[in-house]
Protein backbone atom coordinates (compact mmCIF):
# COMPACT_ATOMS: atom_id res chain seq x y z
CA MET A 1 -22.23 13.62 20.76
CA GLU A 2 -21.16 15.89 17.87
CA PHE A 3 -18.78 14.51 15.32
CA LYS A 4 -15.58 16.55 15.64
CA THR A 5 -12.46 16.25 13.69
CA ARG A 6 -10.02 18.38 11.76
CA ASP A 7 -11.42 20.82 9.29
CA PRO A 8 -12.74 18.89 6.24
CA PRO A 9 -10.45 18.90 3.15
CA ALA A 10 -11.26 21.28 0.37
CA ARG A 11 -12.68 19.78 -2.86
CA PRO A 12 -9.44 20.33 -4.91
CA VAL A 13 -7.59 17.77 -2.91
CA LEU A 14 -9.92 15.11 -4.18
CA ALA A 15 -8.34 15.00 -7.63
CA GLY A 16 -8.01 11.32 -8.48
CA ARG A 17 -9.90 10.14 -5.33
CA THR A 18 -13.48 9.58 -4.47
CA TRP A 19 -15.30 11.07 -1.56
CA THR A 20 -15.55 7.66 -0.02
CA ALA A 21 -11.79 7.22 -0.11
CA THR A 22 -11.18 10.76 1.33
CA LEU A 23 -13.74 10.31 4.11
CA ARG A 24 -12.39 6.95 4.97
CA ALA A 25 -8.75 8.16 5.18
CA THR A 26 -9.60 11.34 7.06
CA ILE A 27 -11.86 9.59 9.70
CA ALA A 28 -9.33 6.72 10.02
CA ASP A 29 -6.47 9.04 10.53
CA ASP A 30 -8.48 10.90 13.22
CA ILE A 31 -9.33 7.69 15.05
CA ILE A 32 -5.70 6.38 14.94
CA ARG A 33 -4.32 9.79 16.15
CA GLY A 34 -6.78 9.92 18.98
CA HIS A 35 -8.83 12.83 17.76
CA LEU A 36 -11.91 10.59 17.84
CA ALA A 37 -12.10 8.64 21.14
CA PRO A 38 -13.27 5.06 21.39
CA GLY A 39 -17.02 4.97 22.06
CA MET A 40 -17.71 8.25 20.29
CA PRO A 41 -20.81 7.96 18.02
CA LEU A 42 -20.38 8.85 14.32
CA GLU A 43 -23.54 10.15 12.91
CA GLU A 44 -23.99 9.75 9.17
CA ALA A 45 -25.97 12.93 8.69
CA GLU A 46 -23.56 15.03 10.75
CA ILE A 47 -20.52 13.74 8.77
CA ALA A 48 -22.31 14.42 5.44
CA ARG A 49 -23.24 17.84 6.57
CA ARG A 50 -19.73 18.68 7.74
CA PHE A 51 -18.14 17.58 4.53
CA GLY A 52 -20.86 18.77 2.25
CA VAL A 53 -21.58 15.42 0.69
CA SER A 54 -24.51 13.05 0.43
CA ARG A 55 -24.88 10.25 2.98
CA THR A 56 -24.05 7.56 0.40
CA PRO A 57 -20.20 8.04 0.49
CA VAL A 58 -20.34 8.44 4.29
CA ARG A 59 -22.16 5.13 4.58
CA GLU A 60 -19.60 3.52 2.29
CA ALA A 61 -16.64 4.96 4.15
CA LEU A 62 -18.12 3.81 7.55
CA ARG A 63 -18.72 0.34 6.16
CA ASP A 64 -15.02 0.15 5.09
CA LEU A 65 -13.89 1.36 8.43
CA ALA A 66 -15.94 -1.31 10.05
CA ALA A 67 -14.19 -3.88 8.04
CA SER A 68 -10.85 -2.54 9.41
CA GLY A 69 -12.18 -2.86 12.89
CA LEU A 70 -11.85 0.91 13.56
CA ILE A 71 -15.60 1.41 14.10
CA GLU A 72 -18.55 -0.67 15.25
CA THR A 73 -21.73 -0.49 13.18
CA ARG A 74 -25.12 -0.96 14.90
CA SER A 75 -28.45 -1.52 13.26
CA HIS A 76 -30.59 1.63 13.09
CA ARG A 77 -28.17 3.42 15.42
CA SER A 78 -25.08 5.48 14.87
CA ALA A 79 -21.63 3.74 14.47
CA LEU A 80 -19.20 3.92 17.30
CA VAL A 81 -15.44 4.54 17.27
CA ALA A 82 -13.66 1.33 18.26
CA ARG A 83 -10.16 -0.26 17.89
CA PRO A 84 -9.61 -3.92 16.85
CA SER A 85 -8.23 -6.08 19.52
CA ALA A 86 -4.48 -6.77 19.46
CA GLU A 87 -5.28 -10.34 18.63
CA ARG A 88 -7.56 -9.49 15.63
CA LEU A 89 -4.95 -6.92 14.30
CA ARG A 90 -2.22 -9.49 14.60
CA GLY A 91 -4.20 -11.96 12.57
CA MET A 92 -4.98 -9.44 9.90
CA PHE A 93 -1.25 -8.66 9.52
CA GLU A 94 -0.32 -12.36 9.48
CA VAL A 95 -2.82 -12.99 6.59
CA MET A 96 -1.56 -9.82 4.80
CA ALA A 97 2.13 -10.98 5.06
CA GLU A 98 1.37 -14.39 3.50
CA LEU A 99 -0.62 -12.84 0.65
CA GLU A 100 2.01 -10.22 -0.10
CA ALA A 101 4.64 -12.95 0.01
CA LEU A 102 2.71 -15.02 -2.52
CA CYS A 103 2.47 -11.97 -4.75
CA ALA A 104 6.21 -11.24 -4.50
CA ALA A 105 7.18 -14.82 -5.27
CA ALA A 106 4.87 -15.02 -8.29
CA ALA A 107 5.99 -11.49 -9.46
CA ALA A 108 9.66 -12.75 -9.42
CA GLY A 109 8.73 -15.46 -11.92
CA GLN A 110 6.11 -13.69 -13.98
CA MET A 111 6.88 -9.99 -14.31
CA THR A 112 7.72 -8.87 -17.84
CA ALA A 113 10.85 -6.81 -18.48
CA ALA A 114 8.74 -3.65 -18.70
CA GLU A 115 7.06 -4.42 -15.40
CA ARG A 116 10.42 -5.02 -13.73
CA GLU A 117 11.73 -1.70 -15.07
CA ALA A 118 8.57 0.01 -13.75
CA LEU A 119 9.03 -1.48 -10.33
CA ARG A 120 12.60 -0.31 -10.24
CA ALA A 121 11.41 3.22 -11.17
CA LEU A 122 8.74 3.16 -8.46
CA HIS A 123 11.34 2.15 -5.85
CA ALA A 124 13.69 4.89 -6.96
CA GLY A 125 10.89 7.39 -6.74
CA PHE A 126 10.00 6.28 -3.21
CA GLY A 127 13.62 6.98 -2.28
CA THR A 128 13.26 10.62 -3.24
CA LEU A 129 10.50 11.06 -0.65
CA ILE A 130 12.74 10.27 2.31
CA GLN A 131 14.17 13.73 2.65
CA ALA A 132 10.75 15.35 2.36
CA GLY A 133 9.51 13.27 5.16
CA ASP A 134 5.88 13.53 3.99
CA PRO A 135 3.80 10.66 5.49
CA GLN A 136 0.87 11.01 3.02
CA ALA A 137 3.06 11.02 -0.05
CA GLY A 138 4.99 7.98 1.46
CA HIS A 139 1.81 6.18 1.94
CA GLU A 140 0.62 6.78 -1.64
CA ALA A 141 4.06 5.84 -3.07
CA ASN A 142 3.98 2.67 -0.95
CA GLU A 143 0.61 1.64 -2.26
CA ARG A 144 1.77 2.17 -5.91
CA PHE A 145 4.79 -0.04 -5.21
CA HIS A 146 2.74 -2.90 -3.60
CA THR A 147 0.06 -2.72 -6.25
CA ALA A 148 2.69 -3.08 -8.98
CA ILE A 149 3.88 -6.21 -7.32
CA TYR A 150 0.27 -7.59 -7.08
CA ALA A 151 -0.33 -6.89 -10.74
CA GLY A 152 3.10 -8.49 -11.55
CA SER A 153 2.03 -11.77 -10.03
CA HIS A 154 -0.19 -12.21 -13.14
CA ASN A 155 -2.70 -13.94 -10.99
CA ASP A 156 -5.93 -11.81 -11.01
CA TYR A 157 -7.65 -13.64 -8.12
CA LEU A 158 -4.52 -13.40 -5.85
CA ALA A 159 -4.19 -9.66 -6.64
CA GLU A 160 -7.91 -9.12 -5.95
CA ILE A 161 -7.86 -10.77 -2.48
CA THR A 162 -4.57 -9.22 -1.57
CA LEU A 163 -5.76 -5.72 -2.49
CA ALA A 164 -9.02 -6.31 -0.48
CA THR A 165 -7.01 -7.30 2.59
CA ARG A 166 -4.77 -4.28 2.15
CA GLU A 167 -7.89 -2.10 2.09
CA ARG A 168 -8.86 -3.47 5.45
CA LEU A 169 -5.45 -2.65 6.89
CA SER A 170 -5.02 0.61 5.05
CA PRO A 171 -5.54 2.78 8.17
CA PHE A 172 -2.81 1.07 10.07
CA ARG A 173 -0.39 0.74 7.23
CA ARG A 174 -0.96 4.47 6.50
CA ALA A 175 -0.35 5.53 10.16
CA GLN A 176 3.02 3.77 10.35
CA PHE A 177 4.62 6.30 7.98
CA ARG A 178 4.30 8.80 10.93
CA ALA A 179 6.72 6.74 12.98
CA GLU A 180 10.25 8.44 12.92
CA GLY A 181 12.56 6.84 10.33
CA GLN A 182 9.93 4.54 8.81
CA LEU A 183 10.08 5.99 5.35
CA ALA A 184 13.78 5.22 5.16
CA LEU A 185 13.27 1.73 6.62
CA SER A 186 10.52 0.83 4.19
CA HIS A 187 12.63 1.96 1.34
CA ALA A 188 15.44 -0.32 2.42
CA GLU A 189 12.98 -3.25 2.95
CA HIS A 190 11.48 -2.59 -0.56
CA GLY A 191 14.95 -2.72 -1.95
CA ARG A 192 15.47 -6.29 -0.74
CA VAL A 193 12.14 -7.33 -2.39
CA VAL A 194 13.06 -5.49 -5.64
CA ASP A 195 16.45 -7.08 -5.87
CA ALA A 196 15.06 -10.54 -5.34
CA ILE A 197 12.34 -9.95 -7.98
CA LEU A 198 14.84 -8.58 -10.47
CA ARG A 199 16.94 -11.61 -10.16
CA ARG A 200 13.93 -13.87 -10.33
CA ASP A 201 14.43 -15.35 -6.90
CA GLY A 202 10.89 -16.20 -5.75
CA PRO A 203 11.70 -17.62 -2.25
CA ALA A 204 13.84 -14.51 -1.46
CA ALA A 205 11.18 -12.16 -2.75
CA ALA A 206 8.62 -13.87 -0.48
CA ALA A 207 10.80 -13.93 2.55
CA GLY A 208 11.69 -10.21 2.03
CA MET A 209 8.05 -9.23 1.70
CA ARG A 210 7.00 -11.34 4.65
CA ALA A 211 9.61 -9.67 6.88
CA HIS A 212 8.59 -6.28 5.50
CA ILE A 213 4.96 -6.73 6.50
CA ALA A 214 6.01 -7.95 10.01
CA ILE A 215 7.97 -4.67 10.44
CA VAL A 216 4.99 -2.66 9.21
CA GLU A 217 2.91 -4.14 11.94
CA THR A 218 5.64 -3.39 14.53
CA ALA A 219 5.96 0.20 13.32
CA TYR A 220 2.21 0.73 13.61
CA GLY A 221 2.21 -0.59 17.13
CA ARG A 222 5.11 1.82 17.98
CA TYR A 223 3.21 4.66 16.54
CA ALA A 224 -0.21 3.90 18.12
CA GLY A 225 1.42 3.40 21.51
CA ALA A 226 2.88 6.82 21.44
CA LEU A 227 -0.45 8.54 20.93
């Protein structure tokens, strides 16, 4: 079966991004939105031809999507579109919530004054996106916000494994911003985490972040169920 999705992005949109990241985001979005049906084969050569790239970034993107449970890879055969079971997805979000909570608690105690001010600015910038209602911009601003908290934990290993787990869940976290009202809700949830970090309240920061990730999971489920 031929790989069919939306028109491939033009090269100018790749500024600051790799082809692997662009392919991963585009294919993931098409799977989550139902444009690529479960069981559909994804041929490396066909995807590479369609996007005008070598097979290397295609292979890397498919590998990342397999880690997220969106596709199934098969030895010497094309990958297949899949969806993770509800149980697996729930487990991934549970681990993500605990890792992010650890980062938020550590950031509350470890962030420098400059890092706290930068976090405040990121939160304010996220707020300006609410009226625009741009899911992609919301996703990117959300990633910058969470990355700042990982870095603010001043624990490189914790930041590393949290970021790796986020990458696995990225297609689902990205999709939830298409749910109506989710940008405003995320901004309010971020606000509670920021307030706790700024007053150096680790337990409150952890609780706020844990609740935030739980709501992200719910928002994704609501969005996916409406497809």
